[in-house]
C-alpha atoms as a PDB file:
ATOM      1  CA  MET A   1     -35.729  -3.327  -7.464  1.00  0.00           C
ATOM      2  CA  GLN A   2     -33.162  -3.343 -10.272  1.00  0.00           C
ATOM      3  CA  LEU A   3     -30.789  -6.164 -11.118  1.00  0.00           C
ATOM      4  CA  ILE A   4     -28.164  -4.782 -13.464  1.00  0.00           C
ATOM      5  CA  ILE A   5     -25.914  -7.343 -15.149  1.00  0.00           C
ATOM      6  CA  ASP A   6     -23.034  -6.314 -17.359  1.00  0.00           C
ATOM      7  CA  GLY A   7     -24.460  -2.775 -17.483  1.00  0.00           C
ATOM      8  CA  LYS A   8     -27.928  -3.916 -18.629  1.00  0.00           C
ATOM      9  CA  ASN A   9     -31.224  -4.296 -16.788  1.00  0.00           C
ATOM     10  CA  ALA A  10     -32.050  -7.954 -16.204  1.00  0.00           C
ATOM     11  CA  ILE A  11     -35.611  -9.253 -15.980  1.00  0.00           C
ATOM     12  CA  LEU A  12     -36.533 -11.412 -12.995  1.00  0.00           C
ATOM     13  CA  LYS A  13     -38.894 -14.348 -13.376  1.00  0.00           C
ATOM     14  CA  GLN A  14     -42.420 -13.133 -12.681  1.00  0.00           C
ATOM     15  CA  GLY A  15     -43.500 -13.770  -9.102  1.00  0.00           C
ATOM     16  CA  SER A  16     -40.037 -14.947  -8.068  1.00  0.00           C
ATOM     17  CA  SER A  17     -38.049 -13.808  -5.054  1.00  0.00           C
ATOM     18  CA  PHE A  18     -34.619 -14.580  -3.645  1.00  0.00           C
ATOM     19  CA  ASP A  19     -32.889 -14.557  -0.283  1.00  0.00           C
ATOM     20  CA  TYR A  20     -30.177 -11.977   0.309  1.00  0.00           C
ATOM     21  CA  VAL A  21     -27.568 -12.897   2.944  1.00  0.00           C
ATOM     22  CA  SER A  22     -25.274 -10.336   4.551  1.00  0.00           C
ATOM     23  CA  GLU A  23     -22.425 -11.781   6.628  1.00  0.00           C
ATOM     24  CA  ASN A  24     -19.824 -10.209   8.897  1.00  0.00           C
ATOM     25  CA  ARG A  25     -16.431 -10.896   7.325  1.00  0.00           C
ATOM     26  CA  SER A  26     -14.762 -10.688  10.759  1.00  0.00           C
ATOM     27  CA  PHE A  27     -16.515 -13.910  11.738  1.00  0.00           C
ATOM     28  CA  SER A  28     -17.260 -15.778   8.518  1.00  0.00           C
ATOM     29  CA  ASP A  29     -14.607 -14.444   6.103  1.00  0.00           C
ATOM     30  CA  ALA A  30     -17.416 -13.632   3.661  1.00  0.00           C
ATOM     31  CA  ASP A  31     -19.529 -10.657   2.642  1.00  0.00           C
ATOM     32  CA  ASP A  32     -22.931 -10.460   0.946  1.00  0.00           C
ATOM     33  CA  TYR A  33     -24.421 -13.029  -1.396  1.00  0.00           C
ATOM     34  CA  THR A  34     -27.794 -14.329  -2.550  1.00  0.00           C
ATOM     35  CA  LEU A  35     -29.248 -17.759  -2.894  1.00  0.00           C
ATOM     36  CA  SER A  36     -30.521 -18.815  -6.301  1.00  0.00           C
ATOM     37  CA  ILE A  37     -31.983 -16.098  -8.544  1.00  0.00           C
ATOM     38  CA  THR A  38     -34.119 -17.274 -11.482  1.00  0.00           C
ATOM     39  CA  LEU A  39     -34.120 -15.269 -14.706  1.00  0.00           C
ATOM     40  CA  PRO A  40     -36.290 -16.155 -17.731  1.00  0.00           C
ATOM     41  CA  LEU A  41     -34.442 -16.743 -20.994  1.00  0.00           C
ATOM     42  CA  SER A  42     -36.947 -18.087 -23.504  1.00  0.00           C
ATOM     43  CA  GLY A  43     -38.703 -15.144 -25.177  1.00  0.00           C
ATOM     44  CA  CYS A  44     -36.979 -12.597 -22.921  1.00  0.00           C
ATOM     45  CA  VAL A  45     -35.040 -10.278 -25.215  1.00  0.00           C
ATOM     46  CA  SER A  46     -33.418  -8.337 -22.351  1.00  0.00           C
ATOM     47  CA  ASN A  47     -31.871 -11.415 -20.731  1.00  0.00           C
ATOM     48  CA  ILE A  48     -30.863 -12.937 -24.073  1.00  0.00           C
ATOM     49  CA  ASP A  49     -29.083  -9.649 -24.796  1.00  0.00           C
ATOM     50  CA  ILE A  50     -27.092 -10.133 -21.566  1.00  0.00           C
ATOM     51  CA  PHE A  51     -26.347 -13.846 -21.651  1.00  0.00           C
ATOM     52  CA  GLY A  52     -26.811 -14.776 -25.283  1.00  0.00           C
ATOM     53  CA  HIS A  53     -27.818 -18.389 -25.853  1.00  0.00           C
ATOM     54  CA  ILE A  54     -25.765 -19.477 -22.864  1.00  0.00           C
ATOM     55  CA  ASP A  55     -27.539 -22.837 -22.654  1.00  0.00           C
ATOM     56  CA  ARG A  56     -25.876 -23.873 -25.907  1.00  0.00           C
ATOM     57  CA  LYS A  57     -22.357 -23.147 -24.677  1.00  0.00           C
ATOM     58  CA  ASP A  58     -20.003 -25.582 -23.023  1.00  0.00           C
ATOM     59  CA  ILE A  59     -19.417 -23.630 -19.822  1.00  0.00           C
ATOM     60  CA  THR A  60     -18.737 -24.188 -16.166  1.00  0.00           C
ATOM     61  CA  ALA A  61     -20.180 -22.049 -13.408  1.00  0.00           C
ATOM     62  CA  ARG A  62     -16.801 -20.419 -12.789  1.00  0.00           C
ATOM     63  CA  SER A  63     -16.441 -19.329 -16.417  1.00  0.00           C
ATOM     64  CA  ALA A  64     -19.840 -17.608 -16.556  1.00  0.00           C
ATOM     65  CA  VAL A  65     -19.273 -14.552 -14.373  1.00  0.00           C
ATOM     66  CA  PHE A  66     -20.686 -11.076 -15.075  1.00  0.00           C
ATOM     67  CA  PRO A  67     -20.325  -7.746 -13.226  1.00  0.00           C
ATOM     68  CA  ALA A  68     -23.605  -6.957 -11.497  1.00  0.00           C
ATOM     69  CA  SER A  69     -25.425  -4.589  -9.149  1.00  0.00           C
ATOM     70  CA  ILE A  70     -28.555  -4.876  -7.036  1.00  0.00           C
ATOM     71  CA  ILE A  71     -30.316  -1.539  -6.471  1.00  0.00           C
ATOM     72  CA  ASP A  72     -33.462  -0.969  -4.444  1.00  0.00           C
ATOM     73  CA  GLY A  73     -34.051   2.597  -3.291  1.00  0.00           C
ATOM     74  CA  THR A  74     -31.095   3.602  -1.109  1.00  0.00           C
ATOM     75  CA  PHE A  75     -29.868   0.000  -1.028  1.00  0.00           C
ATOM     76  CA  SER A  76     -27.054  -0.578  -3.501  1.00  0.00           C
ATOM     77  CA  LYS A  77     -24.652  -3.502  -3.758  1.00  0.00           C
ATOM     78  CA  HIS A  78     -22.077  -4.188  -6.449  1.00  0.00           C
ATOM     79  CA  GLY A  79     -20.372  -7.486  -7.244  1.00  0.00           C
ATOM     80  CA  VAL A  80     -20.791 -10.279  -9.767  1.00  0.00           C
ATOM     81  CA  ILE A  81     -23.447 -12.667 -11.028  1.00  0.00           C
ATOM     82  CA  THR A  82     -22.400 -16.282 -11.477  1.00  0.00           C
ATOM     83  CA  VAL A  83     -24.440 -18.676 -13.595  1.00  0.00           C
ATOM     84  CA  VAL A  84     -25.257 -21.838 -11.664  1.00  0.00           C
ATOM     85  CA  GLU A  85     -27.521 -23.549 -14.192  1.00  0.00           C
ATOM     86  CA  ALA A  86     -28.787 -22.663 -17.657  1.00  0.00           C
ATOM     87  CA  SER A  87     -31.434 -24.107 -19.955  1.00  0.00           C
ATOM     88  CA  ASP A  88     -33.245 -22.815 -23.004  1.00  0.00           C
ATOM     89  CA  VAL A  89     -36.055 -21.682 -20.690  1.00  0.00           C
ATOM     90  CA  GLU A  90     -34.355 -19.990 -17.751  1.00  0.00           C
ATOM     91  CA  ILE A  91     -31.112 -19.256 -15.963  1.00  0.00           C
ATOM     92  CA  LYS A  92     -30.371 -19.831 -12.289  1.00  0.00           C
ATOM     93  CA  CYS A  93     -27.657 -17.575 -10.946  1.00  0.00           C
ATOM     94  CA  GLN A  94     -26.191 -16.179  -7.735  1.00  0.00           C
ATOM     95  CA  PHE A  95     -25.050 -12.697  -6.754  1.00  0.00           C
ATOM     96  CA  LEU A  96     -21.746 -12.338  -4.860  1.00  0.00           C
ATOM     97  CA  GLU A  97     -20.259  -9.230  -3.287  1.00  0.00           C
ATOM     98  CA  GLY A  98     -16.911  -8.318  -1.738  1.00  0.00           C
ATOM     99  CA  ARG A  99     -14.997 -11.163  -0.157  1.00  0.00           C
ATOM    100  CA  SER A 100     -17.659 -13.635  -1.271  1.00  0.00           C
ATOM    101  CA  VAL A 101     -16.377 -13.076  -4.814  1.00  0.00           C
ATOM    102  CA  GLN A 102     -12.828 -13.968  -3.745  1.00  0.00           C
ATOM    103  CA  ASN A 103     -14.030 -17.072  -1.920  1.00  0.00           C
ATOM    104  CA  PHE A 104     -15.848 -18.187  -5.058  1.00  0.00           C
ATOM    105  CA  ASP A 105     -12.772 -17.682  -7.256  1.00  0.00           C
ATOM    106  CA  THR A 106     -10.761 -20.357  -5.490  1.00  0.00           C
ATOM    107  CA  THR A 107      -8.406 -20.915  -8.425  1.00  0.00           C
ATOM    108  CA  PHE A 108      -7.244 -17.272  -8.484  1.00  0.00           C
ATOM    109  CA  ASP A 109      -6.202 -17.850 -12.126  1.00  0.00           C
ATOM    110  CA  ASP A 110      -6.493 -14.146 -12.904  1.00  0.00           C
ATOM    111  CA  ILE A 111      -5.710 -12.781  -9.434  1.00  0.00           C
ATOM    112  CA  TYR A 112      -2.033 -13.158  -8.731  1.00  0.00           C
ATOM    113  CA  ILE A 113       1.216 -11.226  -8.493  1.00  0.00           C
ATOM    114  CA  ASN A 114       3.534 -12.416 -11.227  1.00  0.00           C
ATOM    115  CA  ASP A 115       6.701 -10.533 -10.316  1.00  0.00           C
ATOM    116  CA  LEU A 116       7.960  -8.202  -7.603  1.00  0.00           C
ATOM    117  CA  ASP A 117      11.237  -6.307  -7.396  1.00  0.00           C
ATOM    118  CA  LEU A 118      12.348  -7.182  -3.869  1.00  0.00           C
ATOM    119  CA  GLY A 119      15.812  -5.672  -4.207  1.00  0.00           C
ATOM    120  CA  LEU A 120      19.295  -7.158  -3.869  1.00  0.00           C
ATOM    121  CA  TYR A 121      21.282  -8.765  -1.099  1.00  0.00           C
ATOM    122  CA  SER A 122      23.378  -6.109   0.625  1.00  0.00           C
ATOM    123  CA  ILE A 123      26.639  -8.091   0.356  1.00  0.00           C
ATOM    124  CA  ILE A 124      27.350 -10.236  -2.702  1.00  0.00           C
ATOM    125  CA  GLY A 125      31.134 -10.716  -2.519  1.00  0.00           C
ATOM    126  CA  LEU A 126      33.197 -12.912  -0.196  1.00  0.00           C
ATOM    127  CA  PRO A 127      33.188 -11.499   3.352  1.00  0.00           C
ATOM    128  CA  ALA A 128      36.459 -11.870   5.237  1.00  0.00           C
ATOM    129  CA  ASP A 129      35.003 -13.537   8.318  1.00  0.00           C
ATOM    130  CA  PRO A 130      32.286 -16.212   7.884  1.00  0.00           C
ATOM    131  CA  ASP A 131      31.527 -16.167  11.604  1.00  0.00           C
ATOM    132  CA  VAL A 132      29.814 -12.806  11.149  1.00  0.00           C
ATOM    133  CA  PHE A 133      27.013 -14.449   9.201  1.00  0.00           C
ATOM    134  CA  LEU A 134      26.433 -17.168  11.769  1.00  0.00           C
ATOM    135  CA  ARG A 135      25.689 -14.652  14.513  1.00  0.00           C
ATOM    136  CA  PRO A 136      22.742 -12.681  13.161  1.00  0.00           C
ATOM    137  CA  GLY A 137      22.244  -9.342  14.820  1.00  0.00           C
ATOM    138  CA  SER A 138      19.715  -6.558  14.664  1.00  0.00           C
ATOM    139  CA  GLY A 139      18.873  -5.611  11.097  1.00  0.00           C
ATOM    140  CA  CYS A 140      20.413  -8.760   9.595  1.00  0.00           C
ATOM    141  CA  GLU A 141      18.330  -9.685   6.535  1.00  0.00           C
ATOM    142  CA  ALA A 142      19.932 -12.977   5.487  1.00  0.00           C
ATOM    143  CA  VAL A 143      22.525 -15.519   6.572  1.00  0.00           C
ATOM    144  CA  VAL A 144      25.212 -17.595   4.898  1.00  0.00           C
ATOM    145  CA  LEU A 145      24.967 -21.308   5.647  1.00  0.00           C
ATOM    146  CA  PRO A 146      26.688 -24.246   3.950  1.00  0.00           C
ATOM    147  CA  TRP A 147      24.511 -26.153   1.495  1.00  0.00           C
ATOM    148  CA  VAL A 148      25.030 -28.911  -1.068  1.00  0.00           C
ATOM    149  CA  ASN A 149      24.517 -28.304  -4.775  1.00  0.00           C
ATOM    150  CA  ASP A 150      22.490 -31.357  -5.852  1.00  0.00           C
ATOM    151  CA  ASN A 151      23.691 -31.038  -9.441  1.00  0.00           C
ATOM    152  CA  THR A 152      27.429 -31.122  -8.668  1.00  0.00           C
ATOM    153  CA  GLY A 153      27.690 -32.388  -5.097  1.00  0.00           C
ATOM    154  CA  ASP A 154      29.817 -29.343  -4.191  1.00  0.00           C
ATOM    155  CA  ILE A 155      29.372 -27.647  -0.819  1.00  0.00           C
ATOM    156  CA  MET A 156      28.407 -24.027  -1.329  1.00  0.00           C
ATOM    157  CA  ASN A 157      29.381 -21.519   1.380  1.00  0.00           C
ATOM    158  CA  GLY A 158      31.764 -24.140   2.723  1.00  0.00           C
ATOM    159  CA  MET A 159      33.577 -23.403   5.994  1.00  0.00           C
ATOM    160  CA  GLU A 160      36.251 -25.122   8.050  1.00  0.00           C
ATOM    161  CA  VAL A 161      38.112 -24.596  11.300  1.00  0.00           C
ATOM    162  CA  LYS A 162      41.802 -23.775  10.958  1.00  0.00           C
ATOM    163  CA  ASP A 163      44.024 -22.916  13.922  1.00  0.00           C
ATOM    164  CA  GLY A 164      40.933 -22.621  16.079  1.00  0.00           C
ATOM    165  CA  LYS A 165      39.274 -20.090  13.787  1.00  0.00           C
ATOM    166  CA  LEU A 166      36.384 -20.523  11.383  1.00  0.00           C
ATOM    167  CA  VAL A 167      37.456 -19.732   7.822  1.00  0.00           C
ATOM    168  CA  TRP A 168      36.126 -20.255   4.320  1.00  0.00           C
ATOM    169  CA  SER A 169      36.922 -23.515   2.580  1.00  0.00           C
ATOM    170  CA  GLN A 170      39.240 -23.382  -0.408  1.00  0.00           C
ATOM    171  CA  PHE A 171      36.352 -24.208  -2.735  1.00  0.00           C
ATOM    172  CA  THR A 172      34.404 -21.191  -1.442  1.00  0.00           C
ATOM    173  CA  LYS A 173      37.455 -18.976  -1.874  1.00  0.00           C
ATOM    174  CA  ASP A 174      37.810 -20.202  -5.448  1.00  0.00           C
ATOM    175  CA  MET A 175      34.153 -19.391  -6.039  1.00  0.00           C
ATOM    176  CA  GLY A 176      34.869 -15.819  -4.962  1.00  0.00           C
ATOM    177  CA  GLY A 177      31.522 -15.254  -3.273  1.00  0.00           C
ATOM    178  CA  VAL A 178      28.712 -16.723  -1.226  1.00  0.00           C
ATOM    179  CA  SER A 179      24.976 -17.159  -1.566  1.00  0.00           C
ATOM    180  CA  PHE A 180      22.433 -16.078   1.020  1.00  0.00           C
ATOM    181  CA  MET A 181      19.319 -17.498   2.642  1.00  0.00           C
ATOM    182  CA  PRO A 182      16.916 -14.697   3.613  1.00  0.00           C
ATOM    183  CA  TYR A 183      14.888 -14.590   6.785  1.00  0.00           C
ATOM    184  CA  LEU A 184      11.173 -15.064   6.200  1.00  0.00           C
ATOM    185  CA  ILE A 185      10.464 -11.746   7.931  1.00  0.00           C
ATOM    186  CA  THR A 186      12.825 -10.001   5.506  1.00  0.00           C
ATOM    187  CA  ILE A 187      10.828 -11.151   2.502  1.00  0.00           C
ATOM    188  CA  ALA A 188       7.508 -10.370   4.213  1.00  0.00           C
ATOM    189  CA  LYS A 189       8.670  -6.796   4.843  1.00  0.00           C
ATOM    190  CA  ARG A 190       9.940  -6.346   1.320  1.00  0.00           C
ATOM    191  CA  ILE A 191       6.694  -7.644  -0.190  1.00  0.00           C
ATOM    192  CA  CYS A 192       4.699  -5.213   1.952  1.00  0.00           C
ATOM    193  CA  ASP A 193       6.955  -2.319   0.914  1.00  0.00           C
ATOM    194  CA  CYS A 194       6.670  -3.289  -2.738  1.00  0.00           C
ATOM    195  CA  ILE A 195       2.865  -3.380  -2.813  1.00  0.00           C
ATOM    196  CA  GLY A 196       2.436  -0.382  -0.491  1.00  0.00           C
ATOM    197  CA  TYR A 197       0.928  -2.377   2.390  1.00  0.00           C
ATOM    198  CA  GLN A 198       1.643  -1.326   5.970  1.00  0.00           C
ATOM    199  CA  CYS A 199       2.013  -3.978   8.675  1.00  0.00           C
ATOM    200  CA  ASP A 200       3.187  -3.956  12.287  1.00  0.00           C
ATOM    201  CA  PHE A 201       6.052  -6.476  12.524  1.00  0.00           C
ATOM    202  CA  SER A 202       7.008  -5.648  16.122  1.00  0.00           C
ATOM    203  CA  GLN A 203       5.564  -8.839  17.622  1.00  0.00           C
ATOM    204  CA  TRP A 204       7.265 -10.967  14.978  1.00  0.00           C
ATOM    205  CA  GLU A 205      10.549  -9.089  15.468  1.00  0.00           C
ATOM    206  CA  SER A 206      10.534  -9.779  19.201  1.00  0.00           C
ATOM    207  CA  SER A 207       9.792 -13.517  18.856  1.00  0.00           C
ATOM    208  CA  ASP A 208      12.060 -16.443  17.976  1.00  0.00           C
ATOM    209  CA  ASP A 209      10.147 -16.717  14.711  1.00  0.00           C
ATOM    210  CA  ARG A 210      12.269 -13.835  13.423  1.00  0.00           C
ATOM    211  CA  PHE A 211      14.969 -16.459  12.777  1.00  0.00           C
ATOM    212  CA  LEU A 212      12.810 -18.516  10.398  1.00  0.00           C
ATOM    213  CA  LEU A 213      14.711 -18.936   7.139  1.00  0.00           C
ATOM    214  CA  ILE A 214      13.782 -19.452   3.532  1.00  0.00           C
ATOM    215  CA  CYS A 215      16.221 -22.302   2.986  1.00  0.00           C
ATOM    216  CA  ASN A 216      16.816 -21.784  -0.693  1.00  0.00           C
ATOM    217  CA  ALA A 217      19.900 -20.401  -2.407  1.00  0.00           C
ATOM    218  CA  LEU A 218      21.562 -20.288  -5.820  1.00  0.00           C
ATOM    219  CA  PRO A 219      25.269 -20.747  -6.563  1.00  0.00           C
ATOM    220  CA  TYR A 220      27.194 -17.489  -6.413  1.00  0.00           C
ATOM    221  CA  THR A 221      28.633 -18.090  -9.877  1.00  0.00           C
ATOM    222  CA  TRP A 222      25.171 -17.851 -11.386  1.00  0.00           C
ATOM    223  CA  ASP A 223      25.428 -14.117 -10.700  1.00  0.00           C
ATOM    224  CA  ILE A 224      21.804 -13.900  -9.512  1.00  0.00           C
ATOM    225  CA  HIS A 225      21.704 -11.762  -6.402  1.00  0.00           C
ATOM    226  CA  SER A 226      18.108 -10.573  -6.147  1.00  0.00           C
ATOM    227  CA  TYR A 227      15.788 -11.725  -3.354  1.00  0.00           C
ATOM    228  CA  ALA A 228      12.963 -12.499  -5.776  1.00  0.00           C
ATOM    229  CA  SER A 229      15.085 -14.739  -7.989  1.00  0.00           C
ATOM    230  CA  ASN A 230      16.485 -16.696  -5.065  1.00  0.00           C
ATOM    231  CA  ILE A 231      13.114 -17.581  -3.561  1.00  0.00           C
END
């Protein structure tokens, strides 16, 4: 059996063995992993070449991660080795594969999406009839609802009833435009499109949950009309 760490052959402690666990991710949300693997360090040039004098370093288990493979005949698994404990004599580590690696990296410091271009709102001016945006129909991606600007106390997207008809408030008319609150399903679809992921939204589209809103908006005068910036 070969244990390859960071592209180099590691030496197992003589007479040692380790348990290899293979889980079904459909039930446990994990893939393969091992229990503790012991590798000699003192006097072992091969392992020192891989880890250096790791016992002298101020490290945590999550910072000592190396790409690794376990190969034994036709059996081949690829993942990472994480250092659990290190001394000047030996190193105790664990092999993780697939989703087990993701579960271990709970902070996701280096696994994140920093920015996505989710496009623009389809209408960014001042629509003539505010009632249109209070009766969402098929294909409606966002709605216009009144909200209070905490910084100024002004009511954005203000509306009032005049002569029995819903119209924009004078403040909103002076603003010259409105801000939108997107439906959650709208953003979910746009994220999937952006990253090339296909998902069946039919059940969501036919449920009342399609009206769930992301209740966040920016003043129209800020001239920021992209979905990503508003959420």
